[in-house]
N, C-alpha and C. Protein backbone atom coordinates (compact mmCIF):
# COMPACT_ATOMS: atom_id res chain seq x y z
N MET A 1 153.16 347.69 89.34
CA MET A 1 154.38 348.40 89.02
C MET A 1 155.56 347.43 89.16
N ASN A 2 156.39 347.36 88.14
CA ASN A 2 157.58 346.51 88.19
C ASN A 2 158.64 347.15 89.08
N GLU A 3 159.36 346.31 89.80
CA GLU A 3 160.41 346.81 90.68
C GLU A 3 161.69 347.01 89.87
N ILE A 4 162.23 348.21 89.96
CA ILE A 4 163.47 348.58 89.26
C ILE A 4 164.51 348.91 90.32
N TRP A 5 165.70 348.35 90.16
CA TRP A 5 166.78 348.56 91.13
C TRP A 5 167.86 349.43 90.52
N LYS A 6 168.41 350.35 91.33
CA LYS A 6 169.53 351.20 90.90
C LYS A 6 170.57 351.25 92.01
N ASP A 7 171.84 351.39 91.60
CA ASP A 7 172.91 351.53 92.58
C ASP A 7 172.70 352.78 93.41
N ILE A 8 173.10 352.70 94.68
CA ILE A 8 173.05 353.85 95.57
C ILE A 8 174.36 354.61 95.41
N GLU A 9 174.25 355.91 95.16
CA GLU A 9 175.43 356.75 94.97
C GLU A 9 176.35 356.65 96.19
N GLY A 10 177.62 356.39 95.92
CA GLY A 10 178.61 356.24 96.98
C GLY A 10 178.72 354.81 97.49
N TYR A 11 177.79 353.95 97.05
CA TYR A 11 177.78 352.55 97.47
C TYR A 11 177.61 351.63 96.26
N GLU A 12 178.10 352.08 95.10
CA GLU A 12 177.97 351.32 93.87
C GLU A 12 178.61 349.94 94.03
N GLY A 13 177.90 348.90 93.59
CA GLY A 13 178.38 347.54 93.70
C GLY A 13 178.17 346.93 95.08
N LEU A 14 177.68 347.72 96.02
CA LEU A 14 177.46 347.24 97.39
C LEU A 14 175.98 347.18 97.74
N TYR A 15 175.25 348.26 97.40
CA TYR A 15 173.84 348.36 97.75
C TYR A 15 173.05 348.94 96.58
N GLN A 16 171.77 348.56 96.50
CA GLN A 16 170.86 349.14 95.52
C GLN A 16 169.55 349.51 96.21
N VAL A 17 168.85 350.47 95.60
CA VAL A 17 167.53 350.90 96.09
C VAL A 17 166.54 350.71 94.94
N SER A 18 165.30 350.40 95.29
CA SER A 18 164.29 350.18 94.25
C SER A 18 163.26 351.30 94.22
N ASN A 19 162.55 351.37 93.11
CA ASN A 19 161.48 352.35 92.95
C ASN A 19 160.31 352.07 93.88
N LEU A 20 160.29 350.90 94.52
CA LEU A 20 159.24 350.56 95.48
C LEU A 20 159.66 350.85 96.92
N GLY A 21 160.86 351.41 97.08
CA GLY A 21 161.31 351.81 98.41
C GLY A 21 161.99 350.72 99.21
N ARG A 22 162.57 349.74 98.51
CA ARG A 22 163.31 348.69 99.22
C ARG A 22 164.81 348.89 98.96
N VAL A 23 165.62 348.43 99.89
CA VAL A 23 167.08 348.53 99.77
C VAL A 23 167.66 347.14 99.93
N LYS A 24 168.62 346.81 99.06
CA LYS A 24 169.25 345.50 99.19
C LYS A 24 170.77 345.62 99.18
N SER A 25 171.37 344.66 99.87
CA SER A 25 172.81 344.50 99.89
C SER A 25 173.14 343.52 98.78
N LEU A 26 174.12 343.84 97.94
CA LEU A 26 174.48 342.98 96.83
C LEU A 26 175.49 341.91 97.26
N GLU A 27 175.48 340.79 96.53
CA GLU A 27 176.44 339.73 96.81
C GLU A 27 177.85 340.25 96.53
N ARG A 28 178.76 339.94 97.45
CA ARG A 28 180.13 340.40 97.27
C ARG A 28 181.06 339.58 98.16
N TYR A 29 182.34 339.75 97.90
CA TYR A 29 183.38 339.07 98.67
C TYR A 29 184.31 340.11 99.27
N TYR A 30 184.85 339.79 100.43
CA TYR A 30 185.79 340.69 101.07
C TYR A 30 186.79 339.87 101.88
N ILE A 31 187.88 340.50 102.26
CA ILE A 31 188.90 339.87 103.09
C ILE A 31 188.72 340.39 104.51
N ASN A 32 188.52 339.48 105.47
CA ASN A 32 188.32 339.91 106.86
C ASN A 32 189.66 340.24 107.51
N ARG A 33 189.61 340.62 108.78
CA ARG A 33 190.82 341.04 109.51
C ARG A 33 191.87 339.95 109.60
N ARG A 34 191.45 338.72 109.55
CA ARG A 34 192.40 337.59 109.64
C ARG A 34 192.94 337.18 108.27
N GLY A 35 192.49 337.89 107.23
CA GLY A 35 192.98 337.58 105.89
C GLY A 35 192.19 336.52 105.16
N HIS A 36 191.04 336.12 105.72
CA HIS A 36 190.21 335.10 105.08
C HIS A 36 189.22 335.75 104.12
N LYS A 37 188.98 335.06 103.00
CA LYS A 37 187.99 335.53 102.03
C LYS A 37 186.59 335.17 102.55
N CYS A 38 185.72 336.16 102.65
CA CYS A 38 184.35 335.95 103.13
C CYS A 38 183.36 336.42 102.07
N SER A 39 182.15 335.90 102.14
CA SER A 39 181.13 336.32 101.18
C SER A 39 179.91 336.91 101.90
N VAL A 40 179.25 337.81 101.21
CA VAL A 40 177.99 338.38 101.66
C VAL A 40 176.98 338.04 100.58
N LYS A 41 175.90 337.37 100.96
CA LYS A 41 174.86 337.03 99.99
C LYS A 41 173.94 338.22 99.77
N GLU A 42 173.36 338.29 98.58
CA GLU A 42 172.39 339.36 98.29
C GLU A 42 171.17 339.18 99.19
N ARG A 43 170.72 340.29 99.79
CA ARG A 43 169.52 340.23 100.62
C ARG A 43 168.90 341.61 100.72
N VAL A 44 167.58 341.63 100.86
CA VAL A 44 166.86 342.88 101.10
C VAL A 44 167.02 343.23 102.57
N LEU A 45 167.40 344.47 102.84
CA LEU A 45 167.65 344.91 104.21
C LEU A 45 166.33 345.16 104.95
N SER A 46 166.35 344.90 106.23
CA SER A 46 165.19 345.20 107.09
C SER A 46 165.40 346.59 107.67
N PRO A 47 164.55 347.54 107.32
CA PRO A 47 164.73 348.90 107.84
C PRO A 47 164.28 349.01 109.29
N ARG A 48 164.76 350.05 109.95
CA ARG A 48 164.25 350.39 111.27
C ARG A 48 163.52 351.72 111.12
N ILE A 49 162.68 352.04 112.07
CA ILE A 49 161.90 353.28 111.99
C ILE A 49 162.32 354.20 113.12
N LYS A 50 162.60 355.44 112.77
CA LYS A 50 162.92 356.47 113.76
C LYS A 50 162.21 357.75 113.34
N GLY A 51 161.44 358.32 114.25
CA GLY A 51 160.70 359.53 113.93
C GLY A 51 159.67 359.32 112.83
N GLY A 52 159.24 358.07 112.64
CA GLY A 52 158.27 357.76 111.61
C GLY A 52 158.89 357.44 110.26
N TYR A 53 160.19 357.68 110.09
CA TYR A 53 160.87 357.45 108.82
C TYR A 53 161.61 356.13 108.82
N MET A 54 161.67 355.47 107.67
CA MET A 54 162.37 354.20 107.54
C MET A 54 163.84 354.47 107.22
N LEU A 55 164.72 353.80 107.99
CA LEU A 55 166.16 354.00 107.87
C LEU A 55 166.85 352.66 107.64
N VAL A 56 167.99 352.72 106.95
CA VAL A 56 168.86 351.55 106.80
C VAL A 56 170.29 351.98 107.09
N SER A 57 171.08 351.02 107.54
CA SER A 57 172.50 351.28 107.78
C SER A 57 173.30 350.69 106.63
N LEU A 58 174.12 351.53 106.01
CA LEU A 58 174.96 351.11 104.89
C LEU A 58 176.41 351.30 105.29
N SER A 59 177.29 350.43 104.80
CA SER A 59 178.71 350.63 105.11
C SER A 59 179.55 350.42 103.86
N ASN A 60 180.64 351.16 103.82
CA ASN A 60 181.58 351.11 102.71
C ASN A 60 182.98 351.28 103.29
N ASP A 61 183.84 350.32 103.07
CA ASP A 61 185.21 350.35 103.60
C ASP A 61 185.23 350.50 105.12
N GLY A 62 184.30 349.84 105.80
CA GLY A 62 184.27 349.87 107.25
C GLY A 62 183.60 351.08 107.86
N LEU A 63 183.18 352.03 107.04
CA LEU A 63 182.50 353.22 107.54
C LEU A 63 181.00 353.04 107.38
N GLY A 64 180.28 353.00 108.50
CA GLY A 64 178.83 352.83 108.46
C GLY A 64 178.11 354.17 108.52
N ARG A 65 176.97 354.23 107.86
CA ARG A 65 176.17 355.46 107.87
C ARG A 65 174.70 355.09 107.76
N THR A 66 173.87 355.73 108.58
CA THR A 66 172.43 355.51 108.52
C THR A 66 171.83 356.45 107.48
N GLN A 67 171.00 355.90 106.62
CA GLN A 67 170.39 356.67 105.54
C GLN A 67 168.87 356.51 105.58
N SER A 68 168.15 357.58 105.27
CA SER A 68 166.69 357.48 105.17
C SER A 68 166.34 356.96 103.78
N ILE A 69 165.44 355.99 103.76
CA ILE A 69 165.10 355.33 102.50
C ILE A 69 164.45 356.29 101.52
N HIS A 70 163.59 357.19 101.99
CA HIS A 70 162.92 358.10 101.05
C HIS A 70 163.93 358.98 100.30
N ARG A 71 165.01 359.38 100.96
CA ARG A 71 166.04 360.18 100.28
C ARG A 71 166.83 359.34 99.28
N LEU A 72 167.10 358.08 99.63
CA LEU A 72 167.81 357.19 98.71
C LEU A 72 166.99 356.98 97.44
N VAL A 73 165.68 356.76 97.59
CA VAL A 73 164.79 356.56 96.44
C VAL A 73 164.77 357.82 95.58
N ALA A 74 164.58 358.97 96.21
CA ALA A 74 164.51 360.23 95.46
C ALA A 74 165.81 360.51 94.71
N LYS A 75 166.94 360.32 95.37
CA LYS A 75 168.23 360.57 94.71
C LYS A 75 168.43 359.66 93.50
N ALA A 76 167.96 358.42 93.59
CA ALA A 76 168.16 357.46 92.51
C ALA A 76 167.16 357.62 91.36
N PHE A 77 165.93 358.04 91.66
CA PHE A 77 164.88 357.98 90.65
C PHE A 77 164.25 359.31 90.26
N ILE A 78 164.43 360.37 91.04
CA ILE A 78 163.74 361.64 90.75
C ILE A 78 164.77 362.73 90.47
N SER A 79 164.66 363.34 89.30
CA SER A 79 165.59 364.44 88.99
C SER A 79 165.29 365.63 89.90
N ASN A 80 166.30 366.43 90.15
CA ASN A 80 166.17 367.56 91.07
C ASN A 80 166.87 368.78 90.47
N PRO A 81 166.40 369.27 89.31
CA PRO A 81 167.10 370.37 88.64
C PRO A 81 167.10 371.67 89.43
N ALA A 82 166.11 371.89 90.27
CA ALA A 82 166.05 373.12 91.07
C ALA A 82 166.84 372.98 92.37
N ASP A 83 167.49 371.84 92.57
CA ASP A 83 168.32 371.58 93.75
C ASP A 83 167.55 371.82 95.06
N LYS A 84 166.31 371.30 95.10
CA LYS A 84 165.51 371.40 96.32
C LYS A 84 166.06 370.40 97.33
N GLY A 85 166.09 370.78 98.60
CA GLY A 85 166.81 370.00 99.59
C GLY A 85 166.04 368.94 100.35
N LEU A 86 164.71 368.95 100.27
CA LEU A 86 163.91 368.02 101.07
C LEU A 86 163.11 367.09 100.17
N VAL A 87 162.79 365.91 100.70
CA VAL A 87 161.95 364.95 99.99
C VAL A 87 160.63 364.85 100.75
N ASN A 88 159.53 365.08 100.05
CA ASN A 88 158.20 365.07 100.64
C ASN A 88 157.47 363.78 100.29
N HIS A 89 156.75 363.22 101.26
CA HIS A 89 155.85 362.09 101.02
C HIS A 89 154.50 362.69 100.61
N ILE A 90 154.13 362.56 99.38
CA ILE A 90 152.94 363.20 98.83
C ILE A 90 151.68 362.82 99.61
N ASN A 91 151.53 361.54 99.96
CA ASN A 91 150.32 361.12 100.68
C ASN A 91 150.44 361.29 102.19
N GLY A 92 151.57 361.80 102.66
CA GLY A 92 151.76 362.06 104.09
C GLY A 92 152.15 360.84 104.91
N VAL A 93 152.26 359.68 104.28
CA VAL A 93 152.63 358.45 105.00
C VAL A 93 154.14 358.29 104.91
N LYS A 94 154.83 358.49 106.04
CA LYS A 94 156.29 358.50 106.06
C LYS A 94 156.93 357.16 105.72
N THR A 95 156.17 356.08 105.81
CA THR A 95 156.73 354.77 105.50
C THR A 95 156.43 354.33 104.07
N ASP A 96 155.72 355.15 103.30
CA ASP A 96 155.42 354.84 101.90
C ASP A 96 156.50 355.48 101.03
N ASN A 97 157.56 354.71 100.77
CA ASN A 97 158.72 355.24 100.07
C ASN A 97 158.76 354.88 98.59
N ARG A 98 157.59 354.58 98.01
CA ARG A 98 157.53 354.33 96.57
C ARG A 98 157.84 355.64 95.83
N VAL A 99 158.51 355.53 94.70
CA VAL A 99 158.91 356.73 93.96
C VAL A 99 157.69 357.57 93.56
N VAL A 100 156.55 356.94 93.30
CA VAL A 100 155.34 357.69 92.91
C VAL A 100 154.79 358.52 94.05
N ASN A 101 155.26 358.29 95.28
CA ASN A 101 154.78 359.03 96.45
C ASN A 101 155.78 360.07 96.93
N LEU A 102 156.86 360.28 96.19
CA LEU A 102 157.90 361.19 96.65
C LEU A 102 158.10 362.34 95.67
N GLU A 103 158.53 363.49 96.22
CA GLU A 103 158.85 364.65 95.39
C GLU A 103 159.87 365.50 96.13
N TRP A 104 160.72 366.19 95.36
CA TRP A 104 161.67 367.14 95.94
C TRP A 104 160.93 368.44 96.23
N VAL A 105 161.18 369.03 97.42
CA VAL A 105 160.52 370.27 97.81
C VAL A 105 161.50 371.17 98.56
N THR A 106 161.14 372.44 98.65
CA THR A 106 161.87 373.38 99.49
C THR A 106 161.34 373.25 100.92
N PRO A 107 162.03 373.79 101.91
CA PRO A 107 161.49 373.77 103.27
C PRO A 107 160.11 374.43 103.35
N GLN A 108 159.93 375.52 102.60
CA GLN A 108 158.64 376.22 102.62
C GLN A 108 157.54 375.35 102.01
N GLU A 109 157.84 374.69 100.89
CA GLU A 109 156.85 373.80 100.26
C GLU A 109 156.51 372.63 101.18
N ASN A 110 157.51 372.11 101.87
CA ASN A 110 157.29 371.00 102.79
C ASN A 110 156.38 371.42 103.95
N ALA A 111 156.65 372.59 104.51
CA ALA A 111 155.84 373.11 105.62
C ALA A 111 154.41 373.37 105.15
N GLN A 112 154.26 373.93 103.94
CA GLN A 112 152.93 374.21 103.40
C GLN A 112 152.15 372.91 103.18
N HIS A 113 152.83 371.89 102.65
CA HIS A 113 152.19 370.58 102.44
C HIS A 113 151.72 369.99 103.77
N ALA A 114 152.56 370.07 104.78
CA ALA A 114 152.19 369.55 106.11
C ALA A 114 150.99 370.30 106.67
N HIS A 115 150.98 371.62 106.49
CA HIS A 115 149.87 372.44 106.98
C HIS A 115 148.59 372.12 106.21
N ASP A 116 148.68 372.11 104.87
CA ASP A 116 147.51 371.87 104.02
C ASP A 116 146.87 370.51 104.29
N ASN A 117 147.68 369.52 104.62
CA ASN A 117 147.20 368.16 104.82
C ASN A 117 147.05 367.79 106.29
N LYS A 118 147.12 368.82 107.14
CA LYS A 118 146.97 368.64 108.59
C LYS A 118 147.90 367.55 109.13
N LEU A 119 149.15 367.57 108.64
CA LEU A 119 150.14 366.59 109.08
C LEU A 119 150.97 367.11 110.24
N SER A 120 150.97 368.43 110.42
CA SER A 120 151.74 368.99 111.53
C SER A 120 150.78 369.39 112.64
N PRO A 121 151.21 369.23 113.88
CA PRO A 121 150.33 369.61 114.98
C PRO A 121 150.08 371.11 114.98
N THR A 122 148.99 371.52 115.60
CA THR A 122 148.65 372.94 115.64
C THR A 122 149.63 373.72 116.48
N GLY A 123 150.38 373.05 117.31
CA GLY A 123 151.40 373.73 118.09
C GLY A 123 151.02 373.91 119.54
N LYS A 124 152.03 374.24 120.32
CA LYS A 124 151.85 374.48 121.74
C LYS A 124 152.10 375.95 122.01
N PRO A 125 151.47 376.50 123.04
CA PRO A 125 151.76 377.89 123.39
C PRO A 125 153.25 378.06 123.70
N VAL A 126 153.81 379.14 123.19
CA VAL A 126 155.23 379.41 123.39
C VAL A 126 155.40 380.79 124.03
N LEU A 127 156.38 380.90 124.93
CA LEU A 127 156.62 382.14 125.66
C LEU A 127 157.90 382.81 125.17
N MET A 128 157.81 384.11 124.92
CA MET A 128 158.98 384.91 124.59
C MET A 128 159.46 385.55 125.89
N CYS A 129 160.73 385.34 126.22
CA CYS A 129 161.29 385.85 127.48
C CYS A 129 162.51 386.71 127.20
N ASN A 130 162.78 387.65 128.11
CA ASN A 130 164.02 388.40 127.97
C ASN A 130 165.18 387.48 128.36
N LEU A 131 166.40 387.98 128.27
CA LEU A 131 167.57 387.14 128.53
C LEU A 131 167.69 386.73 129.99
N ASN A 132 166.95 387.40 130.88
CA ASN A 132 166.92 387.02 132.30
C ASN A 132 165.82 386.00 132.59
N GLY A 133 165.02 385.65 131.58
CA GLY A 133 163.97 384.66 131.75
C GLY A 133 162.60 385.22 132.07
N LYS A 134 162.46 386.58 132.13
CA LYS A 134 161.16 387.19 132.42
C LYS A 134 160.27 387.07 131.18
N ILE A 135 159.05 386.59 131.38
CA ILE A 135 158.11 386.41 130.28
C ILE A 135 157.65 387.76 129.77
N LEU A 136 157.80 387.98 128.46
CA LEU A 136 157.40 389.23 127.84
C LEU A 136 156.09 389.09 127.07
N LYS A 137 155.89 387.94 126.43
CA LYS A 137 154.70 387.76 125.59
C LYS A 137 154.44 386.27 125.40
N GLU A 138 153.16 385.91 125.27
CA GLU A 138 152.79 384.52 125.00
C GLU A 138 152.14 384.44 123.63
N PHE A 139 152.48 383.39 122.87
CA PHE A 139 151.92 383.15 121.54
C PHE A 139 151.24 381.78 121.54
N PRO A 140 150.17 381.62 120.75
CA PRO A 140 149.48 380.32 120.72
C PRO A 140 150.36 379.20 120.16
N ASN A 141 151.35 379.56 119.32
CA ASN A 141 152.28 378.57 118.77
C ASN A 141 153.49 379.29 118.19
N SER A 142 154.49 378.53 117.78
CA SER A 142 155.73 379.14 117.28
C SER A 142 155.51 379.84 115.94
N ALA A 143 154.53 379.41 115.15
CA ALA A 143 154.26 380.08 113.88
C ALA A 143 153.80 381.52 114.12
N LYS A 144 152.94 381.71 115.12
CA LYS A 144 152.48 383.07 115.46
C LYS A 144 153.64 383.90 115.99
N ALA A 145 154.55 383.28 116.73
CA ALA A 145 155.74 384.00 117.20
C ALA A 145 156.58 384.43 116.01
N GLY A 146 156.71 383.55 115.02
CA GLY A 146 157.45 383.89 113.80
C GLY A 146 156.81 385.04 113.06
N GLU A 147 155.49 385.04 112.96
CA GLU A 147 154.78 386.16 112.32
C GLU A 147 155.04 387.46 113.07
N PHE A 148 155.01 387.41 114.40
CA PHE A 148 155.28 388.59 115.22
C PHE A 148 156.69 389.12 114.94
N LEU A 149 157.62 388.22 114.72
CA LEU A 149 159.00 388.61 114.43
C LEU A 149 159.18 389.07 112.99
N GLY A 150 158.15 388.88 112.17
CA GLY A 150 158.18 389.39 110.81
C GLY A 150 158.47 388.37 109.73
N CYS A 151 158.50 387.09 110.07
CA CYS A 151 158.81 386.09 109.05
C CYS A 151 158.36 384.72 109.53
N LYS A 152 157.61 384.01 108.69
CA LYS A 152 157.13 382.68 109.07
C LYS A 152 158.27 381.70 109.31
N THR A 153 159.34 381.81 108.52
CA THR A 153 160.44 380.85 108.67
C THR A 153 161.19 381.02 109.98
N ARG A 154 161.01 382.14 110.66
CA ARG A 154 161.68 382.35 111.94
C ARG A 154 161.14 381.44 113.02
N SER A 155 159.95 380.89 112.81
CA SER A 155 159.37 380.00 113.83
C SER A 155 160.22 378.76 114.03
N VAL A 156 161.02 378.37 113.04
CA VAL A 156 161.87 377.19 113.17
C VAL A 156 162.88 377.39 114.30
N LEU A 157 163.54 378.54 114.35
CA LEU A 157 164.52 378.79 115.41
C LEU A 157 163.84 378.97 116.77
N VAL A 158 162.67 379.57 116.77
CA VAL A 158 161.90 379.71 118.01
C VAL A 158 161.60 378.32 118.57
N ARG A 159 161.13 377.42 117.71
CA ARG A 159 160.81 376.05 118.12
C ARG A 159 162.05 375.33 118.64
N ARG A 160 163.18 375.51 117.97
CA ARG A 160 164.43 374.87 118.42
C ARG A 160 164.78 375.31 119.84
N CYS A 161 164.67 376.61 120.10
CA CYS A 161 164.99 377.12 121.44
C CYS A 161 163.99 376.59 122.47
N ALA A 162 162.72 376.58 122.12
CA ALA A 162 161.70 376.10 123.05
C ALA A 162 161.92 374.63 123.39
N HIS A 163 162.48 373.87 122.45
CA HIS A 163 162.80 372.46 122.68
C HIS A 163 164.12 372.28 123.42
N GLY A 164 164.80 373.39 123.70
CA GLY A 164 166.08 373.30 124.42
C GLY A 164 167.27 373.01 123.52
N LYS A 165 167.11 373.16 122.21
CA LYS A 165 168.20 372.88 121.28
C LYS A 165 168.98 374.13 120.91
N GLY A 166 168.65 375.23 121.52
CA GLY A 166 169.34 376.50 121.31
C GLY A 166 169.09 377.38 122.51
N LYS A 167 169.99 378.35 122.75
CA LYS A 167 169.82 379.21 123.93
C LYS A 167 168.91 380.39 123.65
N THR A 168 169.14 381.06 122.51
CA THR A 168 168.32 382.23 122.16
C THR A 168 168.02 382.24 120.67
N ALA A 169 166.99 382.99 120.32
CA ALA A 169 166.66 383.24 118.92
C ALA A 169 166.14 384.66 118.82
N TYR A 170 166.78 385.45 117.97
CA TYR A 170 166.36 386.83 117.71
C TYR A 170 166.38 387.69 118.96
N GLY A 171 167.35 387.42 119.85
CA GLY A 171 167.54 388.25 121.04
C GLY A 171 166.65 387.90 122.22
N TYR A 172 165.94 386.78 122.12
CA TYR A 172 165.04 386.37 123.19
C TYR A 172 165.28 384.91 123.56
N LYS A 173 164.88 384.55 124.77
CA LYS A 173 164.80 383.16 125.17
C LYS A 173 163.37 382.70 124.89
N TRP A 174 163.21 381.42 124.57
CA TRP A 174 161.89 380.88 124.24
C TRP A 174 161.66 379.60 125.01
N LYS A 175 160.43 379.40 125.46
CA LYS A 175 160.08 378.14 126.11
C LYS A 175 158.61 377.88 125.89
N TYR A 176 158.25 376.61 126.00
CA TYR A 176 156.84 376.26 125.89
C TYR A 176 156.14 376.59 127.20
N ALA A 177 154.92 377.08 127.08
CA ALA A 177 154.14 377.44 128.27
C ALA A 177 153.70 376.17 128.99
N SER A 178 153.72 376.23 130.30
CA SER A 178 153.21 375.12 131.11
C SER A 178 152.18 375.71 132.06
N GLU A 179 151.53 374.88 132.83
CA GLU A 179 150.43 375.36 133.66
C GLU A 179 150.83 376.39 134.69
N GLY A 180 151.97 376.57 135.12
CA GLY A 180 152.30 377.58 136.12
C GLY A 180 152.77 378.89 135.53
N ASP A 181 152.86 378.98 134.20
CA ASP A 181 153.37 380.20 133.56
C ASP A 181 152.25 381.20 133.32
N HIS A 182 152.56 382.46 133.51
CA HIS A 182 151.60 383.53 133.24
C HIS A 182 152.31 384.62 132.48
N SER A 183 151.64 385.18 131.49
CA SER A 183 152.26 386.27 130.73
C SER A 183 151.94 387.61 131.33
């Protein structure tokens, strides 16, 4: 496959992304704080990995922003007429950012893909507690808690609370079960 480069939206003339999942800084000149003319040579950026995803830092007019490479590739090379918000790695390998391995998906499609391909863990037991912290019910995982609440997508908020990123969800406190907990 031939490598094709396209400008990154919002960074035109500064950075480009390729269909093979690489990002490069373009050659350019700028005036530094002391008023001297400086140059930046064209180079392919070295990504860092966080949460399994490859990231690069881009800057424009002194404002830096970290971007995930798979989203940059998808935005540049894959049309998104249904305005789906997530980019899925078809083969499940988060570092394979080739355009042939990416697709736009909804949160539901992304979760289904992860489940179908055994990419998401089976989950940890989660406890539903009243607002005073008394355990009311135990579930094998947050998905089952979501089903109990009447909707699979509700498990996302349950999981957030169990991770300590929220206080309550749907009128209950949530936490992961540990060895001293009993329902």
